[in-house]
Amino acid sequence: MLGKKLVTAQKRGETRALCLGLGMVACSMMMYFFIGITIVPFYTNSVWTTETVCKVLKANIKDKVFCPNSEGSEDEEIFPYPCLQVWVNLTASGQEVMLYQTEDTLERNPKCSYVPDKLENSKEVKALIETIASNFKKYQVFPCYYDPGGTQTNVILSRLYPSNGLLFAFLWPTLMFTGGCLIIVLVKISQYISVLSAWQ
């Protein structure tokens, strides 16, 4: 009687472990799919792939512009902010080009180097942009990214999804997939040993 209970408990444990392993593999596949349709296209479509050194030529704050929200938004012109324009000397070609924070900044507002997040306090936004402008004037030489193909003449300060960020995004689903496969293999080995012991 005790032996039957132990065998039944062992089978239940193996079934639960097998379900856990299969669930981890399925979740990792879903994460791979999600990353593949969201992050990977942004990484592959970015033309600013080569790192170089930029030197600040001028950093000016222009008149206030309106935050470019998505089309059809009701509050399209509610959030004005000072327009920071940073011009740099591109070491790779010696050209004078405009600097943007990321690829997304150029899409949101090509007139400004920095587009702040929507904040309620306009004084905080102004102080933030003034701080950024003073930092550019203080640290005039820094790494930046440009388009080696020449389709984009401007440069960006940082990429939304750099290579190490993409690898980090794939790290967790890879660990989950490896752990799920390991659990499945261990369950199969345990079942094989149990059958072998029973046969002997």
N, C-alpha and C. Protein backbone atom coordinates (compact mmCIF):
# COMPACT_ATOMS: atom_id res chain seq x y z
N MET A 1 0.83 -1.21 0.00
CA MET A 1 0.00 0.00 0.00
C MET A 1 0.87 1.27 0.00
N LEU A 2 1.91 1.24 0.86
CA LEU A 2 2.79 2.39 0.95
C LEU A 2 3.54 2.60 -0.36
N GLY A 3 3.94 1.48 -0.99
CA GLY A 3 4.65 1.58 -2.26
C GLY A 3 3.78 2.20 -3.34
N LYS A 4 2.50 1.84 -3.36
CA LYS A 4 1.60 2.41 -4.37
C LYS A 4 1.42 3.91 -4.15
N LYS A 5 1.33 4.33 -2.88
CA LYS A 5 1.19 5.75 -2.60
C LYS A 5 2.43 6.53 -3.04
N LEU A 6 3.60 5.95 -2.79
CA LEU A 6 4.84 6.61 -3.20
C LEU A 6 4.91 6.74 -4.72
N VAL A 7 4.51 5.67 -5.42
CA VAL A 7 4.53 5.71 -6.89
C VAL A 7 3.55 6.75 -7.42
N THR A 8 2.36 6.80 -6.80
CA THR A 8 1.35 7.78 -7.22
C THR A 8 1.84 9.20 -6.97
N ALA A 9 2.45 9.45 -5.82
CA ALA A 9 2.98 10.78 -5.51
C ALA A 9 4.11 11.15 -6.46
N GLN A 10 4.94 10.15 -6.80
CA GLN A 10 6.03 10.42 -7.73
C GLN A 10 5.51 10.79 -9.12
N LYS A 11 4.47 10.08 -9.56
CA LYS A 11 3.90 10.38 -10.88
C LYS A 11 3.26 11.77 -10.90
N ARG A 12 2.58 12.12 -9.81
CA ARG A 12 1.98 13.46 -9.73
C ARG A 12 3.06 14.54 -9.78
N GLY A 13 4.14 14.31 -9.04
CA GLY A 13 5.24 15.28 -9.04
C GLY A 13 5.87 15.42 -10.41
N GLU A 14 6.06 14.29 -11.10
CA GLU A 14 6.64 14.33 -12.44
C GLU A 14 5.71 15.05 -13.41
N THR A 15 4.40 14.81 -13.27
CA THR A 15 3.43 15.49 -14.15
C THR A 15 3.46 16.99 -13.93
N ARG A 16 3.50 17.42 -12.68
CA ARG A 16 3.55 18.85 -12.38
C ARG A 16 4.85 19.48 -12.88
N ALA A 17 5.95 18.77 -12.68
CA ALA A 17 7.23 19.29 -13.15
C ALA A 17 7.26 19.38 -14.67
N LEU A 18 6.67 18.37 -15.33
CA LEU A 18 6.62 18.38 -16.79
C LEU A 18 5.75 19.53 -17.29
N CYS A 19 4.64 19.77 -16.62
CA CYS A 19 3.77 20.90 -16.99
C CYS A 19 4.49 22.23 -16.77
N LEU A 20 5.25 22.31 -15.68
CA LEU A 20 6.01 23.52 -15.41
C LEU A 20 7.04 23.77 -16.51
N GLY A 21 7.76 22.73 -16.89
CA GLY A 21 8.76 22.87 -17.95
C GLY A 21 8.14 23.27 -19.27
N LEU A 22 7.03 22.62 -19.63
CA LEU A 22 6.35 22.97 -20.89
C LEU A 22 5.80 24.39 -20.84
N GLY A 23 5.30 24.81 -19.66
CA GLY A 23 4.80 26.18 -19.52
C GLY A 23 5.90 27.21 -19.67
N MET A 24 7.07 26.92 -19.10
CA MET A 24 8.21 27.83 -19.23
C MET A 24 8.66 27.94 -20.69
N VAL A 25 8.69 26.82 -21.40
CA VAL A 25 9.07 26.84 -22.82
C VAL A 25 8.05 27.64 -23.63
N ALA A 26 6.75 27.44 -23.34
CA ALA A 26 5.71 28.17 -24.07
C ALA A 26 5.80 29.67 -23.79
N CYS A 27 6.02 30.05 -22.54
CA CYS A 27 6.14 31.47 -22.19
C CYS A 27 7.36 32.11 -22.85
N SER A 28 8.46 31.37 -22.89
CA SER A 28 9.66 31.92 -23.53
C SER A 28 9.44 32.11 -25.02
N MET A 29 8.71 31.20 -25.66
CA MET A 29 8.40 31.36 -27.09
C MET A 29 7.54 32.61 -27.32
N MET A 30 6.58 32.84 -26.43
CA MET A 30 5.75 34.04 -26.55
C MET A 30 6.58 35.30 -26.36
N MET A 31 7.53 35.27 -25.44
CA MET A 31 8.40 36.42 -25.23
C MET A 31 9.29 36.65 -26.43
N TYR A 32 9.82 35.58 -27.03
CA TYR A 32 10.61 35.71 -28.26
C TYR A 32 9.79 36.37 -29.36
N PHE A 33 8.53 35.94 -29.51
CA PHE A 33 7.66 36.50 -30.54
C PHE A 33 7.39 37.97 -30.28
N PHE A 34 7.12 38.32 -29.02
CA PHE A 34 6.84 39.71 -28.67
C PHE A 34 8.05 40.60 -28.94
N ILE A 35 9.23 40.14 -28.55
CA ILE A 35 10.46 40.91 -28.80
C ILE A 35 10.71 41.03 -30.30
N GLY A 36 10.42 39.95 -31.02
CA GLY A 36 10.67 39.96 -32.46
C GLY A 36 9.80 40.93 -33.23
N ILE A 37 8.59 41.21 -32.73
CA ILE A 37 7.71 42.12 -33.46
C ILE A 37 7.72 43.54 -32.90
N THR A 38 8.39 43.77 -31.78
CA THR A 38 8.42 45.11 -31.18
C THR A 38 9.82 45.71 -31.18
N ILE A 39 10.77 45.07 -30.52
CA ILE A 39 12.09 45.66 -30.34
C ILE A 39 12.98 45.47 -31.56
N VAL A 40 12.98 44.27 -32.12
CA VAL A 40 13.89 43.96 -33.24
C VAL A 40 13.68 44.89 -34.43
N PRO A 41 12.43 45.18 -34.86
CA PRO A 41 12.27 46.11 -36.00
C PRO A 41 12.86 47.48 -35.74
N PHE A 42 12.71 48.02 -34.50
CA PHE A 42 13.31 49.31 -34.18
C PHE A 42 14.83 49.25 -34.29
N TYR A 43 15.40 48.13 -33.87
CA TYR A 43 16.85 47.98 -33.92
C TYR A 43 17.35 47.86 -35.36
N THR A 44 16.69 47.04 -36.16
CA THR A 44 17.14 46.82 -37.53
C THR A 44 16.86 48.02 -38.44
N ASN A 45 15.79 48.77 -38.17
CA ASN A 45 15.45 49.92 -39.02
C ASN A 45 16.25 51.17 -38.70
N SER A 46 16.95 51.17 -37.59
CA SER A 46 17.75 52.34 -37.23
C SER A 46 18.98 52.43 -38.13
N VAL A 47 19.19 53.61 -38.72
CA VAL A 47 20.34 53.81 -39.61
C VAL A 47 21.54 54.40 -38.88
N TRP A 48 21.31 54.87 -37.63
CA TRP A 48 22.42 55.44 -36.85
C TRP A 48 23.14 54.30 -36.13
N THR A 49 24.03 53.67 -36.83
CA THR A 49 24.66 52.44 -36.33
C THR A 49 26.12 52.60 -35.95
N THR A 50 26.77 53.64 -36.43
CA THR A 50 28.21 53.79 -36.22
C THR A 50 28.48 54.85 -35.16
N GLU A 51 29.31 54.49 -34.20
CA GLU A 51 29.65 55.42 -33.13
C GLU A 51 30.85 56.27 -33.51
N THR A 52 30.79 57.54 -33.18
CA THR A 52 31.89 58.46 -33.43
C THR A 52 31.94 59.47 -32.29
N VAL A 53 32.71 60.53 -32.48
CA VAL A 53 32.83 61.57 -31.47
C VAL A 53 32.26 62.86 -32.01
N CYS A 54 31.42 63.51 -31.21
CA CYS A 54 30.82 64.79 -31.58
C CYS A 54 31.34 65.88 -30.65
N LYS A 55 31.50 67.07 -31.23
CA LYS A 55 31.92 68.24 -30.46
C LYS A 55 30.87 69.32 -30.62
N VAL A 56 30.40 69.84 -29.49
CA VAL A 56 29.33 70.83 -29.50
C VAL A 56 29.84 72.14 -30.10
N LEU A 57 29.08 72.66 -31.07
CA LEU A 57 29.36 73.97 -31.65
C LEU A 57 28.49 75.05 -31.01
N LYS A 58 27.22 74.73 -30.85
CA LYS A 58 26.30 75.67 -30.19
C LYS A 58 25.10 74.91 -29.65
N ALA A 59 24.58 75.41 -28.55
CA ALA A 59 23.38 74.84 -27.93
C ALA A 59 22.48 75.99 -27.54
N ASN A 60 21.43 76.20 -28.32
CA ASN A 60 20.55 77.34 -28.13
C ASN A 60 19.15 76.87 -27.76
N ILE A 61 18.47 77.70 -26.97
CA ILE A 61 17.07 77.45 -26.63
C ILE A 61 16.21 78.45 -27.37
N LYS A 62 15.40 77.95 -28.27
CA LYS A 62 14.54 78.79 -29.09
C LYS A 62 13.22 79.05 -28.38
N ASP A 63 12.32 79.69 -29.10
CA ASP A 63 10.99 79.96 -28.55
C ASP A 63 10.27 78.66 -28.28
N LYS A 64 9.21 78.75 -27.49
CA LYS A 64 8.44 77.57 -27.14
C LYS A 64 7.71 77.00 -28.36
N VAL A 65 7.69 75.69 -28.42
CA VAL A 65 6.93 74.98 -29.45
C VAL A 65 5.92 74.08 -28.75
N PHE A 66 4.97 73.58 -29.51
CA PHE A 66 3.94 72.72 -28.93
C PHE A 66 4.35 71.26 -29.03
N CYS A 67 4.00 70.52 -28.00
CA CYS A 67 4.33 69.10 -27.96
C CYS A 67 3.58 68.38 -29.07
N PRO A 68 4.28 67.68 -29.95
CA PRO A 68 3.60 66.97 -31.05
C PRO A 68 3.02 65.65 -30.59
N ASN A 69 1.79 65.66 -30.15
CA ASN A 69 1.12 64.42 -29.76
C ASN A 69 0.69 63.66 -30.99
N SER A 70 0.11 62.49 -30.78
CA SER A 70 -0.35 61.68 -31.89
C SER A 70 -1.49 62.36 -32.61
N GLU A 71 -1.64 62.06 -33.88
CA GLU A 71 -2.67 62.68 -34.68
C GLU A 71 -4.05 62.32 -34.14
N GLY A 72 -4.92 63.31 -34.16
CA GLY A 72 -6.27 63.08 -33.67
C GLY A 72 -6.44 63.31 -32.19
N SER A 73 -5.34 63.67 -31.52
CA SER A 73 -5.42 63.90 -30.08
C SER A 73 -6.11 65.23 -29.81
N GLU A 74 -6.95 65.27 -28.79
CA GLU A 74 -7.71 66.47 -28.49
C GLU A 74 -6.84 67.56 -27.87
N ASP A 75 -5.81 67.16 -27.10
CA ASP A 75 -4.95 68.16 -26.45
C ASP A 75 -3.64 68.32 -27.22
N GLU A 76 -3.74 68.47 -28.52
CA GLU A 76 -2.56 68.49 -29.37
C GLU A 76 -1.66 69.68 -29.08
N GLU A 77 -2.23 70.83 -28.63
CA GLU A 77 -1.44 72.02 -28.43
C GLU A 77 -1.52 72.52 -26.99
N ILE A 78 -1.56 71.59 -26.05
CA ILE A 78 -1.69 71.96 -24.64
C ILE A 78 -0.32 72.08 -23.97
N PHE A 79 0.68 71.37 -24.48
CA PHE A 79 1.94 71.25 -23.77
C PHE A 79 3.07 71.96 -24.53
N PRO A 80 3.22 73.28 -24.36
CA PRO A 80 4.35 73.98 -25.00
C PRO A 80 5.63 73.79 -24.18
N TYR A 81 6.76 73.76 -24.85
CA TYR A 81 8.04 73.61 -24.16
C TYR A 81 9.12 74.34 -24.95
N PRO A 82 10.18 74.80 -24.28
CA PRO A 82 11.29 75.46 -24.98
C PRO A 82 11.98 74.49 -25.93
N CYS A 83 12.35 74.97 -27.10
CA CYS A 83 12.97 74.12 -28.11
C CYS A 83 14.48 74.23 -28.02
N LEU A 84 15.12 73.15 -27.61
CA LEU A 84 16.57 73.11 -27.52
C LEU A 84 17.15 72.60 -28.84
N GLN A 85 18.06 73.36 -29.41
CA GLN A 85 18.73 72.96 -30.65
C GLN A 85 20.23 72.87 -30.38
N VAL A 86 20.78 71.69 -30.61
CA VAL A 86 22.21 71.45 -30.39
C VAL A 86 22.85 71.11 -31.73
N TRP A 87 23.85 71.89 -32.09
CA TRP A 87 24.60 71.64 -33.33
C TRP A 87 25.99 71.18 -32.96
N VAL A 88 26.45 70.13 -33.63
CA VAL A 88 27.73 69.52 -33.30
C VAL A 88 28.58 69.39 -34.56
N ASN A 89 29.87 69.23 -34.33
CA ASN A 89 30.81 68.95 -35.41
C ASN A 89 31.06 67.45 -35.42
N LEU A 90 30.71 66.79 -36.52
CA LEU A 90 30.86 65.35 -36.64
C LEU A 90 32.29 65.02 -36.99
N THR A 91 32.98 64.32 -36.09
CA THR A 91 34.40 64.03 -36.28
C THR A 91 34.64 63.16 -37.52
N ALA A 92 33.72 62.25 -37.80
CA ALA A 92 33.92 61.32 -38.91
C ALA A 92 33.97 62.03 -40.26
N SER A 93 33.20 63.12 -40.42
CA SER A 93 33.15 63.81 -41.71
C SER A 93 33.48 65.29 -41.61
N GLY A 94 33.52 65.82 -40.40
CA GLY A 94 33.80 67.24 -40.24
C GLY A 94 32.62 68.14 -40.54
N GLN A 95 31.43 67.58 -40.69
CA GLN A 95 30.24 68.36 -41.00
C GLN A 95 29.61 68.95 -39.74
N GLU A 96 28.89 70.02 -39.94
CA GLU A 96 28.10 70.62 -38.86
C GLU A 96 26.67 70.09 -38.98
N VAL A 97 26.25 69.29 -38.02
CA VAL A 97 24.95 68.63 -38.09
C VAL A 97 24.21 68.86 -36.79
N MET A 98 22.90 68.57 -36.83
CA MET A 98 22.07 68.73 -35.64
C MET A 98 22.02 67.43 -34.86
N LEU A 99 22.04 67.55 -33.55
CA LEU A 99 22.03 66.40 -32.65
C LEU A 99 20.63 66.18 -32.10
N TYR A 100 20.21 64.92 -32.06
CA TYR A 100 18.94 64.54 -31.45
C TYR A 100 19.22 63.55 -30.32
N GLN A 101 18.31 63.49 -29.38
CA GLN A 101 18.52 62.58 -28.25
C GLN A 101 18.47 61.13 -28.69
N THR A 102 17.40 60.72 -29.36
CA THR A 102 17.24 59.35 -29.88
C THR A 102 16.57 59.41 -31.24
N GLU A 103 16.37 58.23 -31.84
CA GLU A 103 15.64 58.17 -33.10
C GLU A 103 14.21 58.68 -32.94
N ASP A 104 13.61 58.43 -31.78
CA ASP A 104 12.24 58.84 -31.53
C ASP A 104 12.10 60.35 -31.48
N THR A 105 13.14 61.04 -31.01
CA THR A 105 13.10 62.50 -30.93
C THR A 105 12.95 63.12 -32.31
N LEU A 106 13.65 62.59 -33.29
CA LEU A 106 13.56 63.10 -34.65
C LEU A 106 12.17 62.92 -35.22
N GLU A 107 11.52 61.81 -34.90
CA GLU A 107 10.17 61.57 -35.40
C GLU A 107 9.14 62.45 -34.71
N ARG A 108 9.33 62.71 -33.42
CA ARG A 108 8.36 63.51 -32.67
C ARG A 108 8.44 64.99 -33.02
N ASN A 109 9.65 65.51 -33.16
CA ASN A 109 9.81 66.92 -33.50
C ASN A 109 11.20 67.13 -34.11
N PRO A 110 11.30 67.22 -35.43
CA PRO A 110 12.62 67.39 -36.07
C PRO A 110 13.25 68.74 -35.84
N LYS A 111 12.51 69.70 -35.26
CA LYS A 111 13.07 71.03 -35.03
C LYS A 111 13.87 71.11 -33.74
N CYS A 112 13.65 70.18 -32.82
CA CYS A 112 14.26 70.25 -31.50
C CYS A 112 15.14 69.03 -31.23
N SER A 113 16.23 69.26 -30.53
CA SER A 113 17.15 68.17 -30.18
C SER A 113 16.63 67.32 -29.05
N TYR A 114 15.76 67.88 -28.24
CA TYR A 114 15.24 67.15 -27.08
C TYR A 114 13.75 67.44 -26.93
N VAL A 115 12.97 66.39 -26.77
CA VAL A 115 11.52 66.51 -26.54
C VAL A 115 11.25 65.95 -25.15
N PRO A 116 10.84 66.80 -24.20
CA PRO A 116 10.62 66.30 -22.83
C PRO A 116 9.36 65.49 -22.73
N ASP A 117 9.32 64.67 -21.70
CA ASP A 117 8.08 63.97 -21.37
C ASP A 117 7.05 64.99 -20.88
N LYS A 118 5.79 64.60 -21.01
CA LYS A 118 4.73 65.53 -20.64
C LYS A 118 4.68 65.72 -19.14
N LEU A 119 5.00 66.92 -18.69
CA LEU A 119 4.97 67.26 -17.27
C LEU A 119 3.97 68.38 -17.04
N GLU A 120 3.32 68.36 -15.90
CA GLU A 120 2.32 69.37 -15.61
C GLU A 120 2.95 70.74 -15.33
N ASN A 121 4.10 70.74 -14.68
CA ASN A 121 4.74 71.99 -14.28
C ASN A 121 5.67 72.47 -15.39
N SER A 122 5.31 73.58 -16.03
CA SER A 122 6.12 74.10 -17.13
C SER A 122 7.46 74.63 -16.63
N LYS A 123 7.52 75.07 -15.36
CA LYS A 123 8.79 75.56 -14.81
C LYS A 123 9.80 74.41 -14.70
N GLU A 124 9.32 73.22 -14.34
CA GLU A 124 10.21 72.07 -14.26
C GLU A 124 10.76 71.70 -15.63
N VAL A 125 9.90 71.78 -16.64
CA VAL A 125 10.33 71.48 -18.00
C VAL A 125 11.39 72.48 -18.46
N LYS A 126 11.14 73.75 -18.20
CA LYS A 126 12.10 74.79 -18.58
C LYS A 126 13.43 74.60 -17.86
N ALA A 127 13.38 74.30 -16.56
CA ALA A 127 14.61 74.09 -15.79
C ALA A 127 15.37 72.87 -16.29
N LEU A 128 14.63 71.82 -16.66
CA LEU A 128 15.26 70.61 -17.17
C LEU A 128 15.98 70.88 -18.48
N ILE A 129 15.34 71.60 -19.39
CA ILE A 129 15.96 71.88 -20.68
C ILE A 129 17.15 72.82 -20.52
N GLU A 130 17.06 73.77 -19.62
CA GLU A 130 18.20 74.66 -19.36
C GLU A 130 19.38 73.88 -18.77
N THR A 131 19.08 72.91 -17.92
CA THR A 131 20.15 72.06 -17.36
C THR A 131 20.82 71.23 -18.45
N ILE A 132 20.01 70.67 -19.36
CA ILE A 132 20.57 69.89 -20.46
C ILE A 132 21.43 70.75 -21.34
N ALA A 133 20.98 71.97 -21.64
CA ALA A 133 21.76 72.89 -22.48
C ALA A 133 23.08 73.25 -21.81
N SER A 134 23.06 73.50 -20.51
CA SER A 134 24.30 73.83 -19.80
C SER A 134 25.25 72.64 -19.75
N ASN A 135 24.71 71.42 -19.66
CA ASN A 135 25.57 70.23 -19.67
C ASN A 135 26.26 70.06 -21.02
N PHE A 136 25.53 70.35 -22.11
CA PHE A 136 26.15 70.28 -23.43
C PHE A 136 27.27 71.30 -23.56
N LYS A 137 27.07 72.48 -23.00
CA LYS A 137 28.11 73.51 -23.07
C LYS A 137 29.30 73.17 -22.18
N LYS A 138 29.02 72.43 -21.10
CA LYS A 138 30.09 72.05 -20.17
C LYS A 138 30.88 70.87 -20.69
N TYR A 139 30.17 69.82 -21.13
CA TYR A 139 30.83 68.63 -21.66
C TYR A 139 30.68 68.65 -23.18
N GLN A 140 31.61 69.28 -23.85
CA GLN A 140 31.44 69.56 -25.27
C GLN A 140 31.81 68.39 -26.17
N VAL A 141 32.56 67.44 -25.70
CA VAL A 141 32.97 66.30 -26.52
C VAL A 141 32.39 65.03 -25.92
N PHE A 142 31.70 64.25 -26.73
CA PHE A 142 31.02 63.05 -26.24
C PHE A 142 30.77 62.10 -27.42
N PRO A 143 30.55 60.81 -27.15
CA PRO A 143 30.25 59.87 -28.24
C PRO A 143 28.83 60.06 -28.76
N CYS A 144 28.65 59.84 -30.04
CA CYS A 144 27.33 59.94 -30.66
C CYS A 144 27.28 58.93 -31.81
N TYR A 145 26.11 58.83 -32.44
CA TYR A 145 25.91 57.85 -33.51
C TYR A 145 25.48 58.57 -34.78
N TYR A 146 26.04 58.13 -35.91
CA TYR A 146 25.68 58.72 -37.19
C TYR A 146 25.37 57.63 -38.20
N ASP A 147 24.81 58.05 -39.33
CA ASP A 147 24.43 57.12 -40.40
C ASP A 147 25.58 57.01 -41.40
N PRO A 148 26.27 55.87 -41.44
CA PRO A 148 27.38 55.74 -42.39
C PRO A 148 26.92 55.72 -43.85
N GLY A 149 25.66 55.38 -44.07
CA GLY A 149 25.15 55.36 -45.44
C GLY A 149 24.83 56.73 -46.00
N GLY A 150 24.68 57.71 -45.14
CA GLY A 150 24.43 59.07 -45.58
C GLY A 150 22.97 59.41 -45.83
N THR A 151 22.05 58.50 -45.53
CA THR A 151 20.62 58.82 -45.72
C THR A 151 20.14 59.84 -44.70
N GLN A 152 20.74 59.84 -43.51
CA GLN A 152 20.43 60.82 -42.48
C GLN A 152 21.67 61.64 -42.19
N THR A 153 21.57 62.94 -42.36
CA THR A 153 22.73 63.81 -42.14
C THR A 153 22.88 64.23 -40.69
N ASN A 154 21.88 63.97 -39.86
CA ASN A 154 21.97 64.33 -38.45
C ASN A 154 22.52 63.17 -37.64
N VAL A 155 22.73 63.42 -36.35
CA VAL A 155 23.28 62.40 -35.45
C VAL A 155 22.38 62.29 -34.22
N ILE A 156 22.53 61.20 -33.49
CA ILE A 156 21.77 61.00 -32.26
C ILE A 156 22.74 60.75 -31.10
N LEU A 157 22.27 61.11 -29.92
CA LEU A 157 23.11 60.95 -28.73
C LEU A 157 23.16 59.50 -28.27
N SER A 158 22.03 58.82 -28.29
CA SER A 158 21.97 57.42 -27.86
C SER A 158 20.89 56.70 -28.64
N ARG A 159 21.09 55.41 -28.87
CA ARG A 159 20.12 54.59 -29.59
C ARG A 159 19.05 54.08 -28.62
N LEU A 160 17.83 53.98 -29.11
CA LEU A 160 16.75 53.45 -28.28
C LEU A 160 17.04 52.02 -27.87
N TYR A 161 17.51 51.22 -28.82
CA TYR A 161 17.79 49.80 -28.56
C TYR A 161 19.19 49.48 -29.06
N PRO A 162 20.22 49.71 -28.24
CA PRO A 162 21.58 49.34 -28.64
C PRO A 162 21.78 47.84 -28.64
N SER A 163 22.93 47.40 -29.09
CA SER A 163 23.20 45.96 -29.19
C SER A 163 23.13 45.27 -27.84
N ASN A 164 23.73 45.89 -26.81
CA ASN A 164 23.69 45.26 -25.48
C ASN A 164 22.28 45.24 -24.91
N GLY A 165 21.46 46.27 -25.24
CA GLY A 165 20.07 46.26 -24.80
C GLY A 165 19.26 45.16 -25.46
N LEU A 166 19.55 44.91 -26.75
CA LEU A 166 18.86 43.84 -27.45
C LEU A 166 19.24 42.48 -26.87
N LEU A 167 20.53 42.31 -26.57
CA LEU A 167 20.97 41.05 -25.96
C LEU A 167 20.35 40.85 -24.58
N PHE A 168 20.22 41.94 -23.83
CA PHE A 168 19.59 41.85 -22.50
C PHE A 168 18.12 41.49 -22.63
N ALA A 169 17.46 42.01 -23.67
CA ALA A 169 16.04 41.67 -23.88
C ALA A 169 15.86 40.19 -24.17
N PHE A 170 16.82 39.59 -24.88
CA PHE A 170 16.73 38.16 -25.20
C PHE A 170 17.24 37.28 -24.07
N LEU A 171 17.86 37.88 -23.05
CA LEU A 171 18.45 37.09 -21.97
C LEU A 171 17.40 36.34 -21.17
N TRP A 172 16.32 37.04 -20.74
CA TRP A 172 15.33 36.41 -19.87
C TRP A 172 14.55 35.30 -20.55
N PRO A 173 14.06 35.48 -21.79
CA PRO A 173 13.39 34.34 -22.42
C PRO A 173 14.33 33.17 -22.69
N THR A 174 15.62 33.47 -22.93
CA THR A 174 16.59 32.39 -23.13
C THR A 174 16.80 31.60 -21.85
N LEU A 175 16.91 32.31 -20.72
CA LEU A 175 17.05 31.61 -19.44
C LEU A 175 15.81 30.79 -19.12
N MET A 176 14.63 31.34 -19.41
CA MET A 176 13.40 30.62 -19.16
C MET A 176 13.28 29.39 -20.05
N PHE A 177 13.66 29.54 -21.33
CA PHE A 177 13.61 28.41 -22.25
C PHE A 177 14.59 27.32 -21.82
N THR A 178 15.80 27.72 -21.42
CA THR A 178 16.80 26.75 -20.97
C THR A 178 16.34 26.03 -19.71
N GLY A 179 15.76 26.79 -18.76
CA GLY A 179 15.27 26.17 -17.53
C GLY A 179 14.13 25.20 -17.79
N GLY A 180 13.21 25.58 -18.70
CA GLY A 180 12.11 24.68 -19.04
C GLY A 180 12.59 23.40 -19.68
N CYS A 181 13.52 23.53 -20.63
CA CYS A 181 14.07 22.33 -21.28
C CYS A 181 14.81 21.45 -20.29
N LEU A 182 15.52 22.08 -19.36
CA LEU A 182 16.26 21.31 -18.35
C LEU A 182 15.30 20.54 -17.45
N ILE A 183 14.20 21.16 -17.06
CA ILE A 183 13.21 20.47 -16.23
C ILE A 183 12.62 19.28 -16.97
N ILE A 184 12.28 19.47 -18.25
CA ILE A 184 11.71 18.38 -19.05
C ILE A 184 12.70 17.23 -19.18
N VAL A 185 13.97 17.55 -19.42
CA VAL A 185 14.98 16.50 -19.56
C VAL A 185 15.16 15.75 -18.25
N LEU A 186 15.18 16.47 -17.13
CA LEU A 186 15.34 15.81 -15.84
C LEU A 186 14.15 14.91 -15.52
N VAL A 187 12.94 15.34 -15.88
CA VAL A 187 11.76 14.50 -15.66
C VAL A 187 11.84 13.23 -16.50
N LYS A 188 12.25 13.36 -17.74
CA LYS A 188 12.37 12.20 -18.62
C LYS A 188 13.44 11.24 -18.12
N ILE A 189 14.54 11.79 -17.62
CA ILE A 189 15.59 10.93 -17.06
C ILE A 189 15.08 10.21 -15.82
N SER A 190 14.34 10.92 -14.98
CA SER A 190 13.77 10.30 -13.78
C SER A 190 12.80 9.18 -14.14
N GLN A 191 11.95 9.42 -15.14
CA GLN A 191 11.02 8.39 -15.57
C GLN A 191 11.76 7.19 -16.15
N TYR A 192 12.82 7.44 -16.90
CA TYR A 192 13.58 6.33 -17.48
C TYR A 192 14.24 5.49 -16.39
N ILE A 193 14.81 6.18 -15.37
CA ILE A 193 15.45 5.46 -14.27
C ILE A 193 14.42 4.66 -13.49
N SER A 194 13.23 5.23 -13.30
CA SER A 194 12.18 4.51 -12.58
C SER A 194 11.74 3.26 -13.33
N VAL A 195 11.56 3.36 -14.63
CA VAL A 195 11.18 2.20 -15.44
C VAL A 195 12.28 1.16 -15.45
N LEU A 196 13.52 1.60 -15.53
CA LEU A 196 14.66 0.69 -15.53
C LEU A 196 14.78 -0.06 -14.19
N SER A 197 14.57 0.69 -13.08
CA SER A 197 14.64 0.05 -11.77
C SER A 197 13.52 -0.95 -11.58
N ALA A 198 12.31 -0.61 -12.04
CA ALA A 198 11.18 -1.51 -11.92
C ALA A 198 11.40 -2.77 -12.77
N TRP A 199 11.99 -2.61 -13.93
CA TRP A 199 12.23 -3.78 -14.80
C TRP A 199 13.27 -4.70 -14.19
N GLN A 200 14.29 -4.11 -13.53
CA GLN A 200 15.31 -4.96 -12.90
C GLN A 200 14.75 -5.65 -11.67
